[in-house]
Every structure is written in structure tokens, then in C-alpha cells.
Amino acid sequence: MCQETELIVEQFKECIPLLDVLTDEKRQAIILLLAQHKMGLNVNTIAEHINLSRPAVSHHLKVLKQSGYVSFEKKSVENHYILTVRKPLEQLKSLIAAIETQCQDINN
């Protein structure tokens, strides 16, 4: 395996958790909901919008936070969750660009 291919394989490995997070429909719904509310939402509001229990929403937010898709700000006694997709999306875009370059090299 050439060095370029090995680098792409490594990028794939780094992106697996980012892609895995996106496979869950409830997490997709949370991402889309937060995209519509730039100031962020608390767990109760998210739970009401996507029809999930607070503990379930908290679990999904924890997974999204660990992957870099969301962060939170403390507002009084509640956390407000905010969409912060820049870093994970940059990683995924980098993987796609590397694959495209590899495919162009093969086709030329």
C-alpha cells in the first residue's frame, strides 16, 4: 500500500466515530433542530421538539458533544446546547478531498 493510501486509511479511521454519530435519526434531528436555533436550546426544549425523554436527549447530546458536533453554554442553572460542527465537518471534508484526489490519480 502506498503512503498516500495509508494516509487515507488513517483518515477513514479518524472519521469513523464522526460518521457513526450521524447514523442515529434522533441525533440527526437534534443537529437539525439546533441548526435552527443559533442561541442554543436546553434539554427540555429539545426533548419537547423531538419527542424524547430528557435522559434520552441528554445521552444523545453527550455523544454529540464528545464528537465535537455540539457544545454548551451555562445560562443560569441550565445548559444551552449549541451546534458547533466546524471541526468534524472539516475532518470529513478532508477525507472526501483525499478520496477524490486518489480517484483522479487512478483515472488519469
N, C-alpha and C. Protein backbone atom coordinates (compact mmCIF):
# COMPACT_ATOMS: atom_id res chain seq x y z
N MET A 1 0.86 -1.17 0.00
CA MET A 1 0.00 0.00 0.00
C MET A 1 0.91 1.24 0.00
N CYS A 2 0.62 2.18 -0.89
CA CYS A 2 1.45 3.38 -0.96
C CYS A 2 1.16 4.30 0.23
N GLN A 3 2.08 5.23 0.45
CA GLN A 3 1.98 6.11 1.61
C GLN A 3 0.71 6.96 1.56
N GLU A 4 0.33 7.42 0.37
CA GLU A 4 -0.87 8.23 0.21
C GLU A 4 -2.12 7.44 0.62
N THR A 5 -2.18 6.20 0.21
CA THR A 5 -3.31 5.34 0.57
C THR A 5 -3.34 5.08 2.07
N GLU A 6 -2.18 4.87 2.66
CA GLU A 6 -2.11 4.67 4.11
C GLU A 6 -2.64 5.88 4.86
N LEU A 7 -2.33 7.08 4.35
CA LEU A 7 -2.84 8.30 4.99
C LEU A 7 -4.36 8.38 4.90
N ILE A 8 -4.90 7.97 3.77
CA ILE A 8 -6.36 7.98 3.60
C ILE A 8 -7.00 6.96 4.54
N VAL A 9 -6.40 5.80 4.65
CA VAL A 9 -6.91 4.78 5.58
C VAL A 9 -6.92 5.33 7.00
N GLU A 10 -5.87 6.06 7.36
CA GLU A 10 -5.81 6.66 8.69
C GLU A 10 -6.91 7.71 8.88
N GLN A 11 -7.16 8.50 7.82
CA GLN A 11 -8.24 9.49 7.88
C GLN A 11 -9.59 8.80 8.05
N PHE A 12 -9.79 7.70 7.34
CA PHE A 12 -11.02 6.92 7.50
C PHE A 12 -11.20 6.53 8.96
N LYS A 13 -10.15 5.99 9.57
CA LYS A 13 -10.21 5.54 10.96
C LYS A 13 -10.59 6.70 11.89
N GLU A 14 -10.02 7.89 11.62
CA GLU A 14 -10.31 9.05 12.46
C GLU A 14 -11.74 9.53 12.28
N CYS A 15 -12.32 9.30 11.10
CA CYS A 15 -13.67 9.78 10.80
C CYS A 15 -14.77 8.80 11.19
N ILE A 16 -14.42 7.56 11.47
CA ILE A 16 -15.45 6.56 11.82
C ILE A 16 -16.35 7.03 12.96
N PRO A 17 -15.79 7.53 14.07
CA PRO A 17 -16.69 7.99 15.15
C PRO A 17 -17.59 9.15 14.71
N LEU A 18 -17.08 10.03 13.86
CA LEU A 18 -17.87 11.16 13.37
C LEU A 18 -19.03 10.68 12.50
N LEU A 19 -18.76 9.71 11.67
CA LEU A 19 -19.80 9.16 10.81
C LEU A 19 -20.79 8.32 11.61
N ASP A 20 -20.29 7.57 12.56
CA ASP A 20 -21.14 6.72 13.39
C ASP A 20 -22.19 7.54 14.14
N VAL A 21 -21.77 8.68 14.65
CA VAL A 21 -22.69 9.57 15.38
C VAL A 21 -23.86 9.97 14.50
N LEU A 22 -23.60 10.18 13.23
CA LEU A 22 -24.63 10.67 12.30
C LEU A 22 -25.60 9.59 11.85
N THR A 23 -25.36 8.35 12.20
CA THR A 23 -26.26 7.28 11.76
C THR A 23 -27.56 7.22 12.55
N ASP A 24 -27.60 7.87 13.69
CA ASP A 24 -28.79 7.83 14.54
C ASP A 24 -29.77 8.94 14.15
N GLU A 25 -31.01 8.56 13.87
CA GLU A 25 -32.01 9.54 13.43
C GLU A 25 -32.33 10.59 14.49
N LYS A 26 -32.29 10.21 15.75
CA LYS A 26 -32.58 11.18 16.83
C LYS A 26 -31.46 12.22 16.90
N ARG A 27 -30.21 11.77 16.74
CA ARG A 27 -29.10 12.73 16.74
C ARG A 27 -29.17 13.63 15.51
N GLN A 28 -29.58 13.07 14.39
CA GLN A 28 -29.78 13.90 13.19
C GLN A 28 -30.83 14.97 13.47
N ALA A 29 -31.92 14.58 14.13
CA ALA A 29 -32.99 15.53 14.46
C ALA A 29 -32.48 16.63 15.41
N ILE A 30 -31.66 16.24 16.37
CA ILE A 30 -31.10 17.23 17.29
C ILE A 30 -30.20 18.21 16.54
N ILE A 31 -29.37 17.70 15.66
CA ILE A 31 -28.49 18.58 14.86
C ILE A 31 -29.31 19.56 14.04
N LEU A 32 -30.33 19.06 13.37
CA LEU A 32 -31.17 19.94 12.54
C LEU A 32 -31.93 20.95 13.39
N LEU A 33 -32.39 20.54 14.56
CA LEU A 33 -33.09 21.46 15.45
C LEU A 33 -32.16 22.56 15.94
N LEU A 34 -30.96 22.17 16.37
CA LEU A 34 -30.00 23.17 16.85
C LEU A 34 -29.55 24.11 15.73
N ALA A 35 -29.54 23.62 14.50
CA ALA A 35 -29.17 24.46 13.37
C ALA A 35 -30.17 25.60 13.19
N GLN A 36 -31.39 25.39 13.63
CA GLN A 36 -32.44 26.41 13.51
C GLN A 36 -32.45 27.38 14.69
N HIS A 37 -31.67 27.09 15.73
CA HIS A 37 -31.67 27.91 16.95
C HIS A 37 -30.22 28.27 17.31
N LYS A 38 -29.73 29.30 16.69
CA LYS A 38 -28.32 29.69 16.85
C LYS A 38 -27.93 30.01 18.30
N MET A 39 -28.89 30.45 19.11
CA MET A 39 -28.60 30.80 20.50
C MET A 39 -28.59 29.57 21.40
N GLY A 40 -28.94 28.42 20.85
CA GLY A 40 -28.92 27.18 21.61
C GLY A 40 -30.25 26.87 22.27
N LEU A 41 -30.37 25.64 22.70
CA LEU A 41 -31.58 25.16 23.37
C LEU A 41 -31.19 24.33 24.59
N ASN A 42 -32.08 24.31 25.58
CA ASN A 42 -31.83 23.45 26.73
C ASN A 42 -32.44 22.06 26.48
N VAL A 43 -32.13 21.14 27.35
CA VAL A 43 -32.56 19.75 27.19
C VAL A 43 -34.09 19.64 27.13
N ASN A 44 -34.79 20.36 28.00
CA ASN A 44 -36.26 20.29 28.00
C ASN A 44 -36.85 20.69 26.66
N THR A 45 -36.35 21.77 26.10
CA THR A 45 -36.88 22.26 24.83
C THR A 45 -36.58 21.28 23.69
N ILE A 46 -35.38 20.74 23.70
CA ILE A 46 -35.03 19.74 22.68
C ILE A 46 -35.94 18.52 22.82
N ALA A 47 -36.15 18.06 24.06
CA ALA A 47 -37.00 16.89 24.31
C ALA A 47 -38.41 17.12 23.80
N GLU A 48 -38.94 18.32 24.01
CA GLU A 48 -40.30 18.64 23.54
C GLU A 48 -40.39 18.62 22.02
N HIS A 49 -39.36 19.14 21.36
CA HIS A 49 -39.39 19.23 19.89
C HIS A 49 -39.24 17.88 19.20
N ILE A 50 -38.45 16.99 19.77
CA ILE A 50 -38.21 15.72 19.07
C ILE A 50 -38.86 14.52 19.76
N ASN A 51 -39.69 14.81 20.75
CA ASN A 51 -40.47 13.76 21.40
C ASN A 51 -39.61 12.63 21.98
N LEU A 52 -38.66 13.04 22.81
CA LEU A 52 -37.81 12.09 23.53
C LEU A 52 -37.80 12.47 25.00
N SER A 53 -37.47 11.53 25.84
CA SER A 53 -37.34 11.83 27.27
C SER A 53 -36.08 12.66 27.51
N ARG A 54 -36.07 13.37 28.62
CA ARG A 54 -34.88 14.16 28.97
C ARG A 54 -33.62 13.30 29.06
N PRO A 55 -33.68 12.14 29.73
CA PRO A 55 -32.47 11.31 29.79
C PRO A 55 -31.97 10.87 28.41
N ALA A 56 -32.91 10.56 27.52
CA ALA A 56 -32.51 10.15 26.16
C ALA A 56 -31.85 11.31 25.43
N VAL A 57 -32.43 12.50 25.54
CA VAL A 57 -31.84 13.69 24.91
C VAL A 57 -30.46 13.95 25.49
N SER A 58 -30.34 13.86 26.81
CA SER A 58 -29.04 14.08 27.46
C SER A 58 -27.99 13.10 26.94
N HIS A 59 -28.38 11.85 26.78
CA HIS A 59 -27.46 10.85 26.23
C HIS A 59 -27.00 11.23 24.83
N HIS A 60 -27.94 11.58 23.96
CA HIS A 60 -27.58 11.95 22.60
C HIS A 60 -26.72 13.20 22.56
N LEU A 61 -27.01 14.16 23.43
CA LEU A 61 -26.20 15.38 23.49
C LEU A 61 -24.78 15.07 23.95
N LYS A 62 -24.65 14.14 24.88
CA LYS A 62 -23.32 13.73 25.35
C LYS A 62 -22.50 13.14 24.20
N VAL A 63 -23.13 12.28 23.41
CA VAL A 63 -22.45 11.67 22.26
C VAL A 63 -22.07 12.75 21.24
N LEU A 64 -22.99 13.66 20.97
CA LEU A 64 -22.72 14.74 20.01
C LEU A 64 -21.61 15.66 20.52
N LYS A 65 -21.60 15.91 21.81
CA LYS A 65 -20.57 16.76 22.40
C LYS A 65 -19.21 16.09 22.31
N GLN A 66 -19.14 14.81 22.61
CA GLN A 66 -17.87 14.08 22.56
C GLN A 66 -17.29 14.07 21.14
N SER A 67 -18.16 14.13 20.14
CA SER A 67 -17.71 14.10 18.75
C SER A 67 -17.45 15.49 18.19
N GLY A 68 -17.75 16.51 18.97
CA GLY A 68 -17.49 17.87 18.53
C GLY A 68 -18.61 18.53 17.75
N TYR A 69 -19.75 17.87 17.66
CA TYR A 69 -20.88 18.43 16.91
C TYR A 69 -21.62 19.50 17.70
N VAL A 70 -21.60 19.42 19.02
CA VAL A 70 -22.27 20.42 19.85
C VAL A 70 -21.37 20.80 21.03
N SER A 71 -21.64 21.98 21.55
CA SER A 71 -21.02 22.41 22.80
C SER A 71 -22.15 23.00 23.64
N PHE A 72 -21.83 23.47 24.82
CA PHE A 72 -22.89 24.07 25.63
C PHE A 72 -22.38 25.30 26.34
N GLU A 73 -23.33 26.16 26.68
CA GLU A 73 -23.06 27.34 27.49
C GLU A 73 -23.98 27.28 28.70
N LYS A 74 -23.42 27.60 29.84
CA LYS A 74 -24.22 27.64 31.07
C LYS A 74 -25.00 28.94 31.08
N LYS A 75 -26.32 28.86 31.15
CA LYS A 75 -27.18 30.03 31.25
C LYS A 75 -28.03 29.85 32.49
N SER A 76 -27.72 30.60 33.51
CA SER A 76 -28.33 30.49 34.83
C SER A 76 -28.11 29.07 35.34
N VAL A 77 -29.14 28.27 35.52
CA VAL A 77 -28.96 26.91 36.06
C VAL A 77 -29.01 25.84 34.98
N GLU A 78 -29.20 26.24 33.71
CA GLU A 78 -29.33 25.27 32.63
C GLU A 78 -28.18 25.37 31.64
N ASN A 79 -27.93 24.26 30.98
CA ASN A 79 -27.00 24.26 29.86
C ASN A 79 -27.80 24.48 28.58
N HIS A 80 -27.31 25.35 27.74
CA HIS A 80 -27.90 25.56 26.41
C HIS A 80 -26.93 24.99 25.40
N TYR A 81 -27.43 24.06 24.61
CA TYR A 81 -26.59 23.36 23.65
C TYR A 81 -26.61 24.08 22.31
N ILE A 82 -25.41 24.19 21.74
CA ILE A 82 -25.19 24.96 20.51
C ILE A 82 -24.50 24.06 19.50
N LEU A 83 -24.91 24.19 18.26
CA LEU A 83 -24.29 23.42 17.18
C LEU A 83 -22.90 23.98 16.89
N THR A 84 -21.90 23.12 16.92
CA THR A 84 -20.51 23.51 16.64
C THR A 84 -19.89 22.46 15.72
N VAL A 85 -20.31 22.44 14.50
CA VAL A 85 -19.94 21.36 13.58
C VAL A 85 -18.65 21.62 12.80
N ARG A 86 -18.04 22.76 12.97
CA ARG A 86 -16.90 23.13 12.12
C ARG A 86 -15.80 22.06 12.10
N LYS A 87 -15.30 21.66 13.26
CA LYS A 87 -14.17 20.71 13.30
C LYS A 87 -14.53 19.35 12.70
N PRO A 88 -15.66 18.73 13.11
CA PRO A 88 -15.97 17.43 12.50
C PRO A 88 -16.21 17.53 10.99
N LEU A 89 -16.85 18.61 10.55
CA LEU A 89 -17.09 18.75 9.11
C LEU A 89 -15.80 18.97 8.35
N GLU A 90 -14.85 19.69 8.93
CA GLU A 90 -13.55 19.87 8.28
C GLU A 90 -12.83 18.53 8.13
N GLN A 91 -12.92 17.69 9.16
CA GLN A 91 -12.31 16.36 9.07
C GLN A 91 -12.95 15.53 7.96
N LEU A 92 -14.29 15.56 7.89
CA LEU A 92 -14.98 14.79 6.86
C LEU A 92 -14.69 15.34 5.47
N LYS A 93 -14.64 16.65 5.32
CA LYS A 93 -14.32 17.26 4.02
C LYS A 93 -12.90 16.90 3.59
N SER A 94 -11.99 16.86 4.54
CA SER A 94 -10.61 16.49 4.25
C SER A 94 -10.53 15.05 3.74
N LEU A 95 -11.30 14.17 4.36
CA LEU A 95 -11.35 12.77 3.92
C LEU A 95 -11.89 12.69 2.50
N ILE A 96 -12.98 13.39 2.24
CA ILE A 96 -13.59 13.37 0.91
C ILE A 96 -12.61 13.91 -0.14
N ALA A 97 -11.93 15.00 0.18
CA ALA A 97 -10.97 15.58 -0.76
C ALA A 97 -9.83 14.59 -1.06
N ALA A 98 -9.35 13.90 -0.02
CA ALA A 98 -8.28 12.92 -0.22
C ALA A 98 -8.74 11.76 -1.10
N ILE A 99 -9.97 11.31 -0.90
CA ILE A 99 -10.51 10.23 -1.72
C ILE A 99 -10.66 10.69 -3.16
N GLU A 100 -11.17 11.90 -3.36
CA GLU A 100 -11.33 12.44 -4.72
C GLU A 100 -9.98 12.53 -5.43
N THR A 101 -8.97 13.00 -4.72
CA THR A 101 -7.64 13.11 -5.31
C THR A 101 -7.11 11.73 -5.69
N GLN A 102 -7.30 10.77 -4.79
CA GLN A 102 -6.86 9.40 -5.05
C GLN A 102 -7.55 8.83 -6.28
N CYS A 103 -8.86 9.06 -6.40
CA CYS A 103 -9.62 8.55 -7.53
C CYS A 103 -9.19 9.22 -8.84
N GLN A 104 -8.89 10.50 -8.80
CA GLN A 104 -8.43 11.21 -10.00
C GLN A 104 -7.09 10.65 -10.45
N ASP A 105 -6.20 10.38 -9.49
CA ASP A 105 -4.91 9.80 -9.82
C ASP A 105 -5.05 8.45 -10.51
N ILE A 106 -6.01 7.66 -10.05
CA ILE A 106 -6.24 6.33 -10.63
C ILE A 106 -6.83 6.44 -12.03
N ASN A 107 -7.75 7.39 -12.22
CA ASN A 107 -8.44 7.54 -13.51
C ASN A 107 -7.60 8.23 -14.57
N ASN A 108 -6.49 8.85 -14.19
CA ASN A 108 -5.64 9.55 -15.18
C ASN A 108 -4.50 8.71 -15.64
